[in-house]
């Protein structure tokens, strides 16, 4: 997470990927349609603080909302997510959460 959203280089990369007739189409009759279908996507999010669903911090999480919306727009429906948070603060807590995220990612990779 970078200032509640994504780094500009990732934004640029998504802008390069999200192109008409390459990753999405548009017609007046049916609107926008994602062209990247039938494939899973994996996203790892890392944040210095905590922004869990239902918390006050959730409203500040534009990182996952942006990336998941972009991937959904181009057609991904099977998006697998791992979140490492918090990455700053108490070393015991951050280490535990990091290890949990790595374990979750490893399990997802085995079934990918």
N, C-alpha and C. Protein backbone atom coordinates (compact mmCIF):
# COMPACT_ATOMS: atom_id res chain seq x y z
N UNK A 1 0.85 -1.17 0.00
CA UNK A 1 0.00 0.00 0.00
C UNK A 1 0.89 1.23 0.00
N UNK A 2 0.54 2.18 -0.81
CA UNK A 2 1.29 3.42 -0.90
C UNK A 2 0.28 4.56 -0.81
N UNK A 3 0.32 5.29 0.27
CA UNK A 3 -0.64 6.40 0.49
C UNK A 3 -2.08 5.94 0.27
N UNK A 4 -2.43 4.83 0.87
CA UNK A 4 -3.77 4.23 0.84
C UNK A 4 -4.15 3.61 -0.49
N UNK A 5 -3.27 3.65 -1.48
CA UNK A 5 -3.59 3.10 -2.80
C UNK A 5 -2.43 2.25 -3.29
N UNK A 6 -2.06 2.42 -4.56
CA UNK A 6 -1.00 1.61 -5.15
C UNK A 6 0.12 2.51 -5.66
N UNK A 7 1.34 1.98 -5.76
CA UNK A 7 2.44 2.77 -6.30
C UNK A 7 2.18 3.16 -7.76
N UNK A 8 2.70 4.31 -8.15
CA UNK A 8 2.45 4.80 -9.50
C UNK A 8 2.96 3.84 -10.57
N UNK A 9 4.01 3.09 -10.28
CA UNK A 9 4.52 2.14 -11.29
C UNK A 9 3.54 0.99 -11.50
N UNK A 10 2.87 0.56 -10.45
CA UNK A 10 1.84 -0.47 -10.60
C UNK A 10 0.64 0.10 -11.35
N UNK A 11 0.26 1.32 -11.07
CA UNK A 11 -0.83 2.00 -11.79
C UNK A 11 -0.49 2.07 -13.28
N UNK A 12 0.74 2.44 -13.58
CA UNK A 12 1.17 2.51 -14.98
C UNK A 12 1.10 1.14 -15.64
N UNK A 13 1.55 0.11 -14.94
CA UNK A 13 1.52 -1.26 -15.48
C UNK A 13 0.07 -1.67 -15.79
N UNK A 14 -0.84 -1.39 -14.86
CA UNK A 14 -2.24 -1.71 -15.11
C UNK A 14 -2.79 -0.91 -16.30
N UNK A 15 -2.39 0.34 -16.41
CA UNK A 15 -2.82 1.16 -17.55
C UNK A 15 -2.34 0.57 -18.88
N UNK A 16 -1.15 -0.02 -18.88
CA UNK A 16 -0.62 -0.65 -20.09
C UNK A 16 -1.41 -1.93 -20.41
N UNK A 17 -1.80 -2.67 -19.37
CA UNK A 17 -2.53 -3.92 -19.57
C UNK A 17 -3.99 -3.71 -19.98
N UNK A 18 -4.62 -2.72 -19.42
CA UNK A 18 -6.05 -2.52 -19.64
C UNK A 18 -6.25 -1.72 -20.92
N UNK A 19 -6.38 -2.44 -22.03
CA UNK A 19 -6.47 -1.83 -23.35
C UNK A 19 -7.67 -2.38 -24.11
N UNK A 20 -8.40 -1.49 -24.79
CA UNK A 20 -9.54 -1.96 -25.59
C UNK A 20 -9.09 -2.98 -26.64
N UNK A 21 -9.88 -3.98 -26.82
CA UNK A 21 -9.70 -5.09 -27.76
C UNK A 21 -8.56 -6.04 -27.37
N UNK A 22 -7.78 -5.70 -26.36
CA UNK A 22 -6.75 -6.62 -25.87
C UNK A 22 -7.22 -7.31 -24.60
N UNK A 23 -7.67 -6.53 -23.63
CA UNK A 23 -8.12 -7.12 -22.36
C UNK A 23 -9.58 -6.81 -22.04
N UNK A 24 -10.19 -5.92 -22.81
CA UNK A 24 -11.63 -5.69 -22.67
C UNK A 24 -12.20 -5.21 -23.99
N UNK A 25 -13.50 -5.38 -24.12
CA UNK A 25 -14.19 -4.88 -25.31
C UNK A 25 -15.37 -4.02 -24.86
N UNK A 26 -15.91 -3.29 -25.82
CA UNK A 26 -17.09 -2.48 -25.54
C UNK A 26 -18.01 -2.50 -26.75
N UNK A 27 -19.28 -2.65 -26.47
CA UNK A 27 -20.29 -2.48 -27.51
C UNK A 27 -21.46 -1.74 -26.89
N UNK A 28 -22.14 -0.90 -27.67
CA UNK A 28 -23.28 -0.16 -27.14
C UNK A 28 -24.38 -1.09 -26.61
N UNK A 29 -24.50 -2.26 -27.21
CA UNK A 29 -25.55 -3.21 -26.80
C UNK A 29 -25.25 -3.87 -25.45
N UNK A 30 -24.01 -4.31 -25.27
CA UNK A 30 -23.69 -5.07 -24.05
C UNK A 30 -22.76 -4.35 -23.10
N UNK A 31 -22.23 -3.21 -23.47
CA UNK A 31 -21.34 -2.46 -22.59
C UNK A 31 -19.93 -3.05 -22.58
N UNK A 32 -19.28 -2.93 -21.44
CA UNK A 32 -17.90 -3.42 -21.30
C UNK A 32 -17.90 -4.91 -21.01
N UNK A 33 -16.90 -5.60 -21.56
CA UNK A 33 -16.76 -7.04 -21.35
C UNK A 33 -15.28 -7.37 -21.21
N UNK A 34 -14.92 -8.01 -20.11
CA UNK A 34 -13.55 -8.44 -19.92
C UNK A 34 -13.20 -9.58 -20.85
N UNK A 35 -12.00 -9.55 -21.38
CA UNK A 35 -11.55 -10.58 -22.32
C UNK A 35 -10.58 -11.58 -21.71
N UNK A 36 -10.15 -11.34 -20.49
CA UNK A 36 -9.24 -12.27 -19.81
C UNK A 36 -10.10 -13.17 -18.94
N UNK A 37 -10.46 -14.31 -19.51
CA UNK A 37 -11.39 -15.20 -18.81
C UNK A 37 -10.81 -16.60 -18.66
N UNK A 38 -11.36 -17.32 -17.70
CA UNK A 38 -10.96 -18.71 -17.52
C UNK A 38 -9.60 -18.90 -16.88
N UNK A 39 -9.05 -17.84 -16.31
CA UNK A 39 -7.74 -17.93 -15.69
C UNK A 39 -7.82 -17.35 -14.27
N UNK A 40 -7.10 -17.98 -13.35
CA UNK A 40 -7.06 -17.40 -12.00
C UNK A 40 -6.02 -16.29 -11.92
N UNK A 41 -6.17 -15.45 -10.93
CA UNK A 41 -5.18 -14.40 -10.65
C UNK A 41 -4.81 -14.49 -9.17
N UNK A 42 -3.58 -14.17 -8.87
CA UNK A 42 -3.11 -14.12 -7.49
C UNK A 42 -2.61 -12.72 -7.20
N UNK A 43 -3.04 -12.17 -6.07
CA UNK A 43 -2.59 -10.84 -5.67
C UNK A 43 -2.14 -10.90 -4.22
N UNK A 44 -0.97 -10.36 -3.96
CA UNK A 44 -0.46 -10.22 -2.59
C UNK A 44 -0.45 -8.75 -2.24
N UNK A 45 -1.15 -8.39 -1.18
CA UNK A 45 -1.17 -7.01 -0.70
C UNK A 45 -0.35 -6.93 0.57
N UNK A 46 0.44 -5.87 0.71
CA UNK A 46 1.20 -5.61 1.93
C UNK A 46 0.90 -4.19 2.36
N UNK A 47 0.69 -4.02 3.67
CA UNK A 47 0.35 -2.71 4.22
C UNK A 47 1.06 -2.51 5.54
N UNK A 48 1.49 -1.29 5.76
CA UNK A 48 2.14 -0.97 7.04
C UNK A 48 1.19 -1.06 8.21
N UNK A 49 -0.06 -0.62 8.00
CA UNK A 49 -1.08 -0.67 9.05
C UNK A 49 -2.06 -1.79 8.79
N UNK A 50 -3.18 -1.73 9.52
CA UNK A 50 -4.21 -2.74 9.37
C UNK A 50 -5.49 -2.09 8.86
N UNK A 51 -6.12 -2.74 7.87
CA UNK A 51 -7.32 -2.21 7.22
C UNK A 51 -8.37 -3.31 7.04
N UNK A 52 -8.65 -4.09 8.08
CA UNK A 52 -9.55 -5.23 7.90
C UNK A 52 -11.00 -4.82 7.65
N UNK A 53 -11.75 -5.69 6.98
CA UNK A 53 -13.17 -5.41 6.76
C UNK A 53 -13.89 -5.15 8.08
N UNK A 54 -14.77 -4.17 8.06
CA UNK A 54 -15.54 -3.84 9.25
C UNK A 54 -14.85 -2.90 10.22
N UNK A 55 -13.59 -2.57 9.95
CA UNK A 55 -12.86 -1.66 10.83
C UNK A 55 -12.93 -0.24 10.27
N UNK A 56 -12.61 0.76 11.10
CA UNK A 56 -12.55 2.13 10.58
C UNK A 56 -11.52 2.28 9.46
N UNK A 57 -10.46 1.49 9.51
CA UNK A 57 -9.42 1.55 8.48
C UNK A 57 -9.87 1.06 7.12
N UNK A 58 -10.92 0.26 7.08
CA UNK A 58 -11.38 -0.29 5.80
C UNK A 58 -11.68 0.82 4.78
N UNK A 59 -12.21 1.93 5.23
CA UNK A 59 -12.55 3.03 4.32
C UNK A 59 -11.31 3.64 3.68
N UNK A 60 -10.14 3.41 4.25
CA UNK A 60 -8.90 3.97 3.72
C UNK A 60 -8.17 3.01 2.77
N UNK A 61 -8.71 1.82 2.60
CA UNK A 61 -8.06 0.83 1.74
C UNK A 61 -8.52 1.00 0.29
N UNK A 62 -7.80 1.83 -0.45
CA UNK A 62 -8.06 1.98 -1.87
C UNK A 62 -7.16 1.05 -2.67
N UNK A 63 -6.19 0.44 -2.00
CA UNK A 63 -5.26 -0.48 -2.64
C UNK A 63 -6.00 -1.70 -3.19
N UNK A 64 -6.62 -2.47 -2.31
CA UNK A 64 -7.26 -3.70 -2.78
C UNK A 64 -8.48 -3.38 -3.65
N UNK A 65 -9.23 -2.35 -3.31
CA UNK A 65 -10.39 -1.99 -4.11
C UNK A 65 -9.98 -1.68 -5.56
N UNK A 66 -8.90 -0.93 -5.72
CA UNK A 66 -8.45 -0.55 -7.05
C UNK A 66 -7.98 -1.77 -7.85
N UNK A 67 -7.10 -2.56 -7.25
CA UNK A 67 -6.52 -3.70 -7.97
C UNK A 67 -7.60 -4.73 -8.30
N UNK A 68 -8.47 -5.05 -7.35
CA UNK A 68 -9.51 -6.04 -7.59
C UNK A 68 -10.52 -5.55 -8.64
N UNK A 69 -10.83 -4.26 -8.61
CA UNK A 69 -11.72 -3.69 -9.62
C UNK A 69 -11.08 -3.77 -11.00
N UNK A 70 -9.80 -3.42 -11.11
CA UNK A 70 -9.10 -3.46 -12.40
C UNK A 70 -9.06 -4.88 -12.95
N UNK A 71 -8.73 -5.85 -12.10
CA UNK A 71 -8.68 -7.24 -12.57
C UNK A 71 -10.06 -7.75 -12.95
N UNK A 72 -11.07 -7.40 -12.17
CA UNK A 72 -12.43 -7.79 -12.50
C UNK A 72 -12.90 -7.17 -13.80
N UNK A 73 -12.52 -5.93 -14.04
CA UNK A 73 -12.92 -5.23 -15.26
C UNK A 73 -12.43 -5.94 -16.51
N UNK A 74 -11.22 -6.51 -16.45
CA UNK A 74 -10.68 -7.18 -17.64
C UNK A 74 -11.08 -8.65 -17.71
N UNK A 75 -11.88 -9.12 -16.74
CA UNK A 75 -12.47 -10.45 -16.87
C UNK A 75 -12.11 -11.47 -15.82
N UNK A 76 -11.18 -11.18 -14.94
CA UNK A 76 -10.84 -12.16 -13.90
C UNK A 76 -12.00 -12.31 -12.93
N UNK A 77 -12.39 -13.55 -12.67
CA UNK A 77 -13.42 -13.82 -11.66
C UNK A 77 -12.86 -14.64 -10.51
N UNK A 78 -11.81 -15.38 -10.77
CA UNK A 78 -11.16 -16.19 -9.73
C UNK A 78 -9.89 -15.45 -9.29
N UNK A 79 -10.05 -14.56 -8.32
CA UNK A 79 -8.93 -13.76 -7.83
C UNK A 79 -8.62 -14.20 -6.41
N UNK A 80 -7.43 -14.71 -6.22
CA UNK A 80 -7.01 -15.23 -4.92
C UNK A 80 -6.10 -14.19 -4.26
N UNK A 81 -6.40 -13.87 -3.02
CA UNK A 81 -5.75 -12.75 -2.34
C UNK A 81 -5.08 -13.20 -1.04
N UNK A 82 -3.89 -12.69 -0.83
CA UNK A 82 -3.20 -12.83 0.45
C UNK A 82 -2.84 -11.42 0.90
N UNK A 83 -3.12 -11.13 2.17
CA UNK A 83 -2.82 -9.81 2.72
C UNK A 83 -1.84 -9.95 3.87
N UNK A 84 -0.74 -9.22 3.78
CA UNK A 84 0.24 -9.15 4.88
C UNK A 84 0.07 -7.78 5.54
N UNK A 85 -0.50 -7.79 6.74
CA UNK A 85 -0.67 -6.55 7.49
C UNK A 85 -0.71 -6.85 8.98
N UNK A 86 -0.19 -6.03 9.81
CA UNK A 86 0.65 -4.87 9.54
C UNK A 86 2.08 -5.31 9.27
N UNK A 87 2.79 -4.52 8.50
CA UNK A 87 4.21 -4.81 8.25
C UNK A 87 5.11 -3.88 9.06
N UNK A 88 4.51 -2.99 9.82
CA UNK A 88 5.27 -2.08 10.69
C UNK A 88 4.73 -2.20 12.11
N UNK A 89 5.60 -1.97 13.06
CA UNK A 89 5.17 -2.00 14.46
C UNK A 89 5.86 -3.11 15.23
N UNK A 90 5.11 -3.73 16.12
CA UNK A 90 5.62 -4.78 16.99
C UNK A 90 6.23 -5.92 16.16
N UNK A 91 7.52 -6.19 16.33
CA UNK A 91 8.18 -7.22 15.52
C UNK A 91 7.58 -8.61 15.71
N UNK A 92 7.08 -8.91 16.89
CA UNK A 92 6.47 -10.23 17.12
C UNK A 92 5.18 -10.35 16.30
N UNK A 93 4.35 -9.33 16.36
CA UNK A 93 3.09 -9.35 15.61
C UNK A 93 3.35 -9.33 14.11
N UNK A 94 4.22 -8.44 13.64
CA UNK A 94 4.47 -8.36 12.20
C UNK A 94 5.09 -9.65 11.67
N UNK A 95 5.97 -10.26 12.45
CA UNK A 95 6.57 -11.53 12.05
C UNK A 95 5.53 -12.64 11.96
N UNK A 96 4.64 -12.68 12.94
CA UNK A 96 3.57 -13.68 12.95
C UNK A 96 2.66 -13.50 11.73
N UNK A 97 2.27 -12.27 11.47
CA UNK A 97 1.37 -12.00 10.33
C UNK A 97 2.07 -12.29 9.00
N UNK A 98 3.36 -11.96 8.92
CA UNK A 98 4.12 -12.25 7.69
C UNK A 98 4.15 -13.75 7.46
N UNK A 99 4.45 -14.52 8.51
CA UNK A 99 4.50 -15.98 8.38
C UNK A 99 3.14 -16.55 7.98
N UNK A 100 2.06 -15.99 8.53
CA UNK A 100 0.71 -16.43 8.15
C UNK A 100 0.45 -16.15 6.67
N UNK A 101 0.85 -14.98 6.20
CA UNK A 101 0.65 -14.62 4.80
C UNK A 101 1.45 -15.55 3.89
N UNK A 102 2.67 -15.84 4.26
CA UNK A 102 3.50 -16.76 3.46
C UNK A 102 2.88 -18.15 3.43
N UNK A 103 2.39 -18.60 4.56
CA UNK A 103 1.74 -19.91 4.63
C UNK A 103 0.49 -19.95 3.76
N UNK A 104 -0.32 -18.90 3.81
CA UNK A 104 -1.52 -18.83 2.97
C UNK A 104 -1.15 -18.80 1.49
N UNK A 105 -0.13 -18.04 1.13
CA UNK A 105 0.30 -17.97 -0.27
C UNK A 105 0.82 -19.32 -0.75
N UNK A 106 1.55 -20.00 0.10
CA UNK A 106 2.09 -21.32 -0.26
C UNK A 106 0.96 -22.30 -0.50
N UNK A 107 -0.06 -22.28 0.36
CA UNK A 107 -1.20 -23.17 0.19
C UNK A 107 -1.96 -22.85 -1.10
N UNK A 108 -2.12 -21.56 -1.40
CA UNK A 108 -2.79 -21.17 -2.63
C UNK A 108 -1.99 -21.62 -3.85
N UNK A 109 -0.68 -21.47 -3.78
CA UNK A 109 0.17 -21.84 -4.92
C UNK A 109 0.05 -23.33 -5.24
N UNK A 110 -0.07 -24.14 -4.20
CA UNK A 110 -0.19 -25.58 -4.41
C UNK A 110 -1.46 -25.94 -5.16
N UNK A 111 -2.50 -25.14 -5.00
CA UNK A 111 -3.78 -25.42 -5.64
C UNK A 111 -4.03 -24.53 -6.86
N UNK A 112 -3.04 -23.80 -7.29
CA UNK A 112 -3.25 -22.82 -8.36
C UNK A 112 -3.39 -23.49 -9.69
